[in-house]
Every structure is written in C-alpha cells, then in structure tokens.
C-alpha cells in the first residue's frame, strides 16, 4: 500500500473537475439571488410614466390619475381662478415656492401658477401634513372653513388648506405646499406624468 503510485494526471483532472462543478453551482445559486434584487415587472409598471389626455377636462374641473400609487390632481383652472391667485399671496406660507417649499416642484413649475401652462395644475394630491387626500373645493365662495375662500383644496383630516396652485395657507398644520411631480406635454392636449421635458424622472 505504501508503495502505490499516485496518478498525478488523474488527481489534477479530478481537482479541476471538482472546481468547475463547484463554480457552476455557485453561479447557479448566485444568479437567482441577484435577480431577486431587481424590481418586479409590476413594480416597474407602477413607477412608469403615465400618459393622460386632457381633451375632456372642462374649465373648473379636476381629473385624478394614479402615478406610483399616488393620486395626481389635474385641474383645468378658469381665468377667474387664475386671476385670484396673486391676491392670496399675503395669506400663504410660501407664495413663491422658493422658501420651505422650494423642493416641492421642478424648477419649471417654480412660478406663481406652479405649472408649465398657467391654466393646467398638475399636482400630487397628498396633504403635506400627514398624507391625507385633500378635497377639491373649486368654487370661489365663502366656506365654513374660510369665509374668504377663493377655491383650492381643503384637507378634512386636520383642516389644512391650499389655494388653486396647491400653496399652503398660514395657520394650518401642513408645513409645505403640495408636491408638483415631473411632467411634460406631449402635445397641446396630452401630458405625461413622471418624466419632464429633459427626460428626468
């Protein structure tokens, strides 16, 4: 037994074969594990941009679409509603959206109407206090929560109020203006929410 000849070629072959089979096994185990980190097709679809026609939205009406599981309010503001916006500035926390609310909208919506086209408001419909969905109260008439109401949003959860540009009023729990998502116009009557004109999501 002690004088047996060791077949070095066979030993190398068995060692190499074992290493190859082990390597294949490791790769076979790792690939599905890494793939499990990727978002599912459903998750990818949930974060995808949303295209919406505006043709049927009459002046003064609101349309709600879902993007990333969030309600997005699209409002066709009337000339009267737009004309009332500047008069609300003294009552607002951040009327120019350059203070505490500077991060609440893209640069191209950092203006008095918080929009690309003045008549169209595109906004994530979530109150910036605790995440409730505010009610659209578009009529410009006295309301129990504000005798000088000029249209906008009222949150029934904790009584925060926003104007027709989603800018928050002073003296309410909500600290910031509502969020404007990235969006772009594909043509005069179609918008795409989730991507802006520069392609940023």
C-alpha atoms as a PDB file:
ATOM      1  CA  UNK A   1       0.000   0.000   0.000  1.00  0.00           C
ATOM      2  CA  UNK A   2       2.756   2.409   0.912  1.00  0.00           C
ATOM      3  CA  UNK A   3       4.388   1.816  -2.481  1.00  0.00           C
ATOM      4  CA  UNK A   4       1.262   2.656  -4.562  1.00  0.00           C
ATOM      5  CA  UNK A   5       1.967   5.019  -7.450  1.00  0.00           C
ATOM      6  CA  UNK A   6      -0.028   8.236  -7.346  1.00  0.00           C
ATOM      7  CA  UNK A   7      -1.512   9.119 -10.719  1.00  0.00           C
ATOM      8  CA  UNK A   8      -0.815  12.886 -10.770  1.00  0.00           C
ATOM      9  CA  UNK A   9      -2.707  13.390 -14.063  1.00  0.00           C
ATOM     10  CA  UNK A  10      -5.823  11.804 -12.686  1.00  0.00           C
ATOM     11  CA  UNK A  11      -5.539  13.825  -9.473  1.00  0.00           C
ATOM     12  CA  UNK A  12      -5.265  17.095 -11.452  1.00  0.00           C
ATOM     13  CA  UNK A  13      -8.245  16.091 -13.601  1.00  0.00           C
ATOM     14  CA  UNK A  14     -10.414  15.315 -10.551  1.00  0.00           C
ATOM     15  CA  UNK A  15      -9.357  18.549  -8.808  1.00  0.00           C
ATOM     16  CA  UNK A  16     -10.121  20.636 -11.903  1.00  0.00           C
ATOM     17  CA  UNK A  17     -13.461  18.902 -12.478  1.00  0.00           C
ATOM     18  CA  UNK A  18     -14.479  19.433  -8.854  1.00  0.00           C
ATOM     19  CA  UNK A  19     -13.537  23.118  -9.068  1.00  0.00           C
ATOM     20  CA  UNK A  20     -15.520  23.605 -12.303  1.00  0.00           C
ATOM     21  CA  UNK A  21     -18.610  21.832 -10.962  1.00  0.00           C
ATOM     22  CA  UNK A  22     -18.392  23.830  -7.727  1.00  0.00           C
ATOM     23  CA  UNK A  23     -18.021  27.091  -9.684  1.00  0.00           C
ATOM     24  CA  UNK A  24     -21.068  26.285 -11.807  1.00  0.00           C
ATOM     25  CA  UNK A  25     -23.018  25.519  -8.650  1.00  0.00           C
ATOM     26  CA  UNK A  26     -22.043  28.855  -7.074  1.00  0.00           C
ATOM     27  CA  UNK A  27     -23.061  30.775 -10.223  1.00  0.00           C
ATOM     28  CA  UNK A  28     -26.355  28.862 -10.400  1.00  0.00           C
ATOM     29  CA  UNK A  29     -27.092  29.822  -6.798  1.00  0.00           C
ATOM     30  CA  UNK A  30     -25.946  33.463  -7.064  1.00  0.00           C
ATOM     31  CA  UNK A  31     -27.753  34.488 -10.300  1.00  0.00           C
ATOM     32  CA  UNK A  32     -31.308  33.958  -8.954  1.00  0.00           C
ATOM     33  CA  UNK A  33     -30.284  35.645  -5.705  1.00  0.00           C
ATOM     34  CA  UNK A  34     -29.051  38.765  -7.544  1.00  0.00           C
ATOM     35  CA  UNK A  35     -32.100  38.737  -9.837  1.00  0.00           C
ATOM     36  CA  UNK A  36     -34.318  38.794  -6.752  1.00  0.00           C
ATOM     37  CA  UNK A  37     -32.974  42.281  -6.007  1.00  0.00           C
ATOM     38  CA  UNK A  38     -34.371  43.660  -9.273  1.00  0.00           C
ATOM     39  CA  UNK A  39     -37.842  45.240  -9.150  1.00  0.00           C
ATOM     40  CA  UNK A  40     -40.659  43.061 -10.419  1.00  0.00           C
ATOM     41  CA  UNK A  41     -42.482  43.828 -13.663  1.00  0.00           C
ATOM     42  CA  UNK A  42     -45.406  45.054 -11.565  1.00  0.00           C
ATOM     43  CA  UNK A  43     -43.141  47.388  -9.580  1.00  0.00           C
ATOM     44  CA  UNK A  44     -41.569  48.713 -12.777  1.00  0.00           C
ATOM     45  CA  UNK A  45     -45.017  49.353 -14.236  1.00  0.00           C
ATOM     46  CA  UNK A  46     -46.127  51.131 -11.048  1.00  0.00           C
ATOM     47  CA  UNK A  47     -43.244  53.593 -11.354  1.00  0.00           C
ATOM     48  CA  UNK A  48     -43.606  54.091 -15.093  1.00  0.00           C
ATOM     49  CA  UNK A  49     -44.694  57.430 -16.547  1.00  0.00           C
ATOM     50  CA  UNK A  50     -48.439  57.913 -17.063  1.00  0.00           C
ATOM     51  CA  UNK A  51     -49.833  59.491 -20.240  1.00  0.00           C
ATOM     52  CA  UNK A  52     -53.163  61.307 -19.973  1.00  0.00           C
ATOM     53  CA  UNK A  53     -55.395  63.106 -22.477  1.00  0.00           C
ATOM     54  CA  UNK A  54     -56.769  66.470 -21.314  1.00  0.00           C
ATOM     55  CA  UNK A  55     -59.390  66.804 -24.057  1.00  0.00           C
ATOM     56  CA  UNK A  56     -62.410  66.084 -21.855  1.00  0.00           C
ATOM     57  CA  UNK A  57     -61.413  68.148 -18.806  1.00  0.00           C
ATOM     58  CA  UNK A  58     -63.622  71.243 -18.840  1.00  0.00           C
ATOM     59  CA  UNK A  59     -62.565  74.579 -17.262  1.00  0.00           C
ATOM     60  CA  UNK A  60     -63.046  74.356 -13.494  1.00  0.00           C
ATOM     61  CA  UNK A  61     -62.938  70.544 -13.477  1.00  0.00           C
ATOM     62  CA  UNK A  62     -60.474  68.195 -11.826  1.00  0.00           C
ATOM     63  CA  UNK A  63     -59.291  64.804 -13.082  1.00  0.00           C
ATOM     64  CA  UNK A  64     -57.476  62.319 -10.820  1.00  0.00           C
ATOM     65  CA  UNK A  65     -54.984  59.808 -12.219  1.00  0.00           C
ATOM     66  CA  UNK A  66     -52.742  57.318 -10.411  1.00  0.00           C
ATOM     67  CA  UNK A  67     -48.954  57.546 -10.677  1.00  0.00           C
ATOM     68  CA  UNK A  68     -46.644  55.488  -8.416  1.00  0.00           C
ATOM     69  CA  UNK A  69     -49.728  54.601  -6.345  1.00  0.00           C
ATOM     70  CA  UNK A  70     -50.287  58.307  -5.669  1.00  0.00           C
ATOM     71  CA  UNK A  71     -53.301  60.382  -6.705  1.00  0.00           C
ATOM     72  CA  UNK A  72     -52.312  63.118  -9.155  1.00  0.00           C
ATOM     73  CA  UNK A  73     -54.755  66.016  -9.457  1.00  0.00           C
ATOM     74  CA  UNK A  74     -55.060  67.605 -12.894  1.00  0.00           C
ATOM     75  CA  UNK A  75     -57.136  70.790 -12.865  1.00  0.00           C
ATOM     76  CA  UNK A  76     -58.208  72.971 -15.757  1.00  0.00           C
ATOM     77  CA  UNK A  77     -58.222  76.313 -13.927  1.00  0.00           C
ATOM     78  CA  UNK A  78     -60.595  79.021 -15.078  1.00  0.00           C
ATOM     79  CA  UNK A  79     -59.418  82.575 -15.862  1.00  0.00           C
ATOM     80  CA  UNK A  80     -61.225  83.733 -12.693  1.00  0.00           C
ATOM     81  CA  UNK A  81     -59.403  81.178 -10.538  1.00  0.00           C
ATOM     82  CA  UNK A  82     -56.058  82.189 -12.054  1.00  0.00           C
ATOM     83  CA  UNK A  83     -56.779  85.890 -11.529  1.00  0.00           C
ATOM     84  CA  UNK A  84     -57.440  85.252  -7.813  1.00  0.00           C
ATOM     85  CA  UNK A  85     -54.056  83.580  -7.168  1.00  0.00           C
ATOM     86  CA  UNK A  86     -51.879  86.705  -6.629  1.00  0.00           C
ATOM     87  CA  UNK A  87     -54.349  88.107  -4.084  1.00  0.00           C
ATOM     88  CA  UNK A  88     -53.764  85.019  -1.886  1.00  0.00           C
ATOM     89  CA  UNK A  89     -50.013  85.649  -1.519  1.00  0.00           C
ATOM     90  CA  UNK A  90     -50.187  87.525   1.836  1.00  0.00           C
ATOM     91  CA  UNK A  91     -52.146  84.611   3.352  1.00  0.00           C
ATOM     92  CA  UNK A  92     -49.722  81.882   2.248  1.00  0.00           C
ATOM     93  CA  UNK A  93     -46.707  80.269   3.957  1.00  0.00           C
ATOM     94  CA  UNK A  94     -44.518  80.233   0.830  1.00  0.00           C
ATOM     95  CA  UNK A  95     -46.276  82.040  -2.050  1.00  0.00           C
ATOM     96  CA  UNK A  96     -43.275  81.986  -4.395  1.00  0.00           C
ATOM     97  CA  UNK A  97     -42.368  78.361  -3.593  1.00  0.00           C
ATOM     98  CA  UNK A  98     -38.752  79.373  -3.045  1.00  0.00           C
ATOM     99  CA  UNK A  99     -38.606  79.059   0.756  1.00  0.00           C
ATOM    100  CA  UNK A 100     -39.575  75.950   2.710  1.00  0.00           C
ATOM    101  CA  UNK A 101     -41.376  74.580  -0.367  1.00  0.00           C
ATOM    102  CA  UNK A 102     -38.513  75.020  -2.851  1.00  0.00           C
ATOM    103  CA  UNK A 103     -38.112  71.249  -3.137  1.00  0.00           C
ATOM    104  CA  UNK A 104     -41.828  70.656  -3.760  1.00  0.00           C
ATOM    105  CA  UNK A 105     -41.749  71.274  -7.517  1.00  0.00           C
ATOM    106  CA  UNK A 106     -39.406  71.192 -10.512  1.00  0.00           C
ATOM    107  CA  UNK A 107     -37.734  74.488 -11.473  1.00  0.00           C
ATOM    108  CA  UNK A 108     -40.039  74.912 -14.473  1.00  0.00           C
ATOM    109  CA  UNK A 109     -43.027  74.986 -12.096  1.00  0.00           C
ATOM    110  CA  UNK A 110     -41.466  77.393  -9.601  1.00  0.00           C
ATOM    111  CA  UNK A 111     -43.721  80.297 -10.539  1.00  0.00           C
ATOM    112  CA  UNK A 112     -46.994  81.912  -9.464  1.00  0.00           C
ATOM    113  CA  UNK A 113     -49.165  79.208 -11.004  1.00  0.00           C
ATOM    114  CA  UNK A 114     -46.747  76.343 -10.170  1.00  0.00           C
ATOM    115  CA  UNK A 115     -47.223  74.970 -13.659  1.00  0.00           C
ATOM    116  CA  UNK A 116     -45.889  74.878 -17.216  1.00  0.00           C
ATOM    117  CA  UNK A 117     -49.153  76.188 -18.701  1.00  0.00           C
ATOM    118  CA  UNK A 118     -50.987  78.584 -16.368  1.00  0.00           C
ATOM    119  CA  UNK A 119     -54.422  77.029 -16.843  1.00  0.00           C
ATOM    120  CA  UNK A 120     -53.291  73.473 -16.029  1.00  0.00           C
ATOM    121  CA  UNK A 121     -52.388  72.439 -12.477  1.00  0.00           C
ATOM    122  CA  UNK A 122     -50.700  69.017 -12.207  1.00  0.00           C
ATOM    123  CA  UNK A 123     -50.081  68.109  -8.564  1.00  0.00           C
ATOM    124  CA  UNK A 124     -49.676  65.104  -6.263  1.00  0.00           C
ATOM    125  CA  UNK A 125     -52.885  65.096  -4.240  1.00  0.00           C
ATOM    126  CA  UNK A 126     -51.371  64.407  -0.814  1.00  0.00           C
ATOM    127  CA  UNK A 127     -51.530  66.795   2.123  1.00  0.00           C
ATOM    128  CA  UNK A 128     -48.042  67.677   3.353  1.00  0.00           C
ATOM    129  CA  UNK A 129     -49.120  67.319   6.982  1.00  0.00           C
ATOM    130  CA  UNK A 130     -49.863  63.608   7.482  1.00  0.00           C
ATOM    131  CA  UNK A 131     -50.560  62.341   3.977  1.00  0.00           C
ATOM    132  CA  UNK A 132     -54.360  62.606   3.705  1.00  0.00           C
ATOM    133  CA  UNK A 133     -56.002  63.318   0.344  1.00  0.00           C
ATOM    134  CA  UNK A 134     -57.474  66.855   0.359  1.00  0.00           C
ATOM    135  CA  UNK A 135     -60.883  67.646  -1.151  1.00  0.00           C
ATOM    136  CA  UNK A 136     -61.101  69.816  -4.264  1.00  0.00           C
ATOM    137  CA  UNK A 137     -63.296  72.814  -3.459  1.00  0.00           C
ATOM    138  CA  UNK A 138     -63.089  74.799  -6.671  1.00  0.00           C
ATOM    139  CA  UNK A 139     -65.963  77.217  -6.199  1.00  0.00           C
ATOM    140  CA  UNK A 140     -64.994  80.732  -5.146  1.00  0.00           C
ATOM    141  CA  UNK A 141     -67.479  81.355  -2.360  1.00  0.00           C
ATOM    142  CA  UNK A 142     -67.468  81.552   1.444  1.00  0.00           C
ATOM    143  CA  UNK A 143     -66.969  78.181   3.117  1.00  0.00           C
ATOM    144  CA  UNK A 144     -67.334  77.168   6.781  1.00  0.00           C
ATOM    145  CA  UNK A 145     -63.559  76.695   6.970  1.00  0.00           C
ATOM    146  CA  UNK A 146     -62.758  80.039   5.237  1.00  0.00           C
ATOM    147  CA  UNK A 147     -65.182  82.957   4.698  1.00  0.00           C
ATOM    148  CA  UNK A 148     -62.785  84.394   2.067  1.00  0.00           C
ATOM    149  CA  UNK A 149     -62.375  81.161   0.114  1.00  0.00           C
ATOM    150  CA  UNK A 150     -61.122  81.616  -3.455  1.00  0.00           C
ATOM    151  CA  UNK A 151     -61.072  77.977  -4.495  1.00  0.00           C
ATOM    152  CA  UNK A 152     -58.494  75.310  -3.764  1.00  0.00           C
ATOM    153  CA  UNK A 153     -58.081  72.294  -1.505  1.00  0.00           C
ATOM    154  CA  UNK A 154     -59.326  71.529   1.975  1.00  0.00           C
ATOM    155  CA  UNK A 155     -57.957  68.586   3.973  1.00  0.00           C
ATOM    156  CA  UNK A 156     -60.744  67.142   6.151  1.00  0.00           C
ATOM    157  CA  UNK A 157     -58.290  65.233   8.371  1.00  0.00           C
ATOM    158  CA  UNK A 158     -56.706  68.202  10.169  1.00  0.00           C
ATOM    159  CA  UNK A 159     -58.126  71.237   8.308  1.00  0.00           C
ATOM    160  CA  UNK A 160     -55.116  72.253   6.236  1.00  0.00           C
ATOM    161  CA  UNK A 161     -55.968  74.474   3.275  1.00  0.00           C
ATOM    162  CA  UNK A 162     -54.279  75.113  -0.085  1.00  0.00           C
ATOM    163  CA  UNK A 163     -55.063  77.571  -2.869  1.00  0.00           C
ATOM    164  CA  UNK A 164     -55.659  76.746  -6.555  1.00  0.00           C
ATOM    165  CA  UNK A 165     -51.905  76.345  -7.055  1.00  0.00           C
ATOM    166  CA  UNK A 166     -51.515  73.913  -4.140  1.00  0.00           C
ATOM    167  CA  UNK A 167     -49.824  76.576  -1.976  1.00  0.00           C
ATOM    168  CA  UNK A 168     -50.464  76.135   1.739  1.00  0.00           C
ATOM    169  CA  UNK A 169     -52.199  78.805   3.815  1.00  0.00           C
ATOM    170  CA  UNK A 170     -50.765  80.179   7.047  1.00  0.00           C
ATOM    171  CA  UNK A 171     -52.077  78.926  10.390  1.00  0.00           C
ATOM    172  CA  UNK A 172     -52.746  75.317   9.346  1.00  0.00           C
ATOM    173  CA  UNK A 173     -50.894  72.108  10.303  1.00  0.00           C
ATOM    174  CA  UNK A 174     -49.422  71.461   6.833  1.00  0.00           C
ATOM    175  CA  UNK A 175     -45.903  72.942   6.626  1.00  0.00           C
ATOM    176  CA  UNK A 176     -45.336  72.992   2.847  1.00  0.00           C
ATOM    177  CA  UNK A 177     -47.023  73.439  -0.493  1.00  0.00           C
ATOM    178  CA  UNK A 178     -48.260  70.263  -2.174  1.00  0.00           C
ATOM    179  CA  UNK A 179     -45.841  68.473  -4.488  1.00  0.00           C
ATOM    180  CA  UNK A 180     -45.692  69.080  -8.239  1.00  0.00           C
ATOM    181  CA  UNK A 181     -44.437  65.909  -9.980  1.00  0.00           C
ATOM    182  CA  UNK A 182     -42.171  65.927 -13.023  1.00  0.00           C
ATOM    183  CA  UNK A 183     -44.298  66.138 -16.160  1.00  0.00           C
ATOM    184  CA  UNK A 184     -44.268  67.251 -19.768  1.00  0.00           C
ATOM    185  CA  UNK A 185     -46.681  67.966 -22.599  1.00  0.00           C
ATOM    186  CA  UNK A 186     -46.532  65.501 -25.468  1.00  0.00           C
ATOM    187  CA  UNK A 187     -48.852  67.774 -27.477  1.00  0.00           C
ATOM    188  CA  UNK A 188     -51.405  70.513 -26.738  1.00  0.00           C
ATOM    189  CA  UNK A 189     -53.863  68.128 -25.101  1.00  0.00           C
ATOM    190  CA  UNK A 190     -51.718  65.245 -23.764  1.00  0.00           C
ATOM    191  CA  UNK A 191     -49.436  65.192 -20.754  1.00  0.00           C
ATOM    192  CA  UNK A 192     -47.005  62.607 -19.445  1.00  0.00           C
ATOM    193  CA  UNK A 193     -46.589  62.456 -15.667  1.00  0.00           C
ATOM    194  CA  UNK A 194     -43.347  61.065 -14.249  1.00  0.00           C
ATOM    195  CA  UNK A 195     -40.915  62.461 -16.810  1.00  0.00           C
ATOM    196  CA  UNK A 196     -40.109  66.072 -17.597  1.00  0.00           C
ATOM    197  CA  UNK A 197     -39.038  67.556 -20.921  1.00  0.00           C
ATOM    198  CA  UNK A 198     -35.362  66.867 -20.120  1.00  0.00           C
ATOM    199  CA  UNK A 199     -36.138  63.184 -19.572  1.00  0.00           C
ATOM    200  CA  UNK A 200     -35.540  63.292 -15.816  1.00  0.00           C
ATOM    201  CA  UNK A 201     -37.832  61.094 -13.705  1.00  0.00           C
END
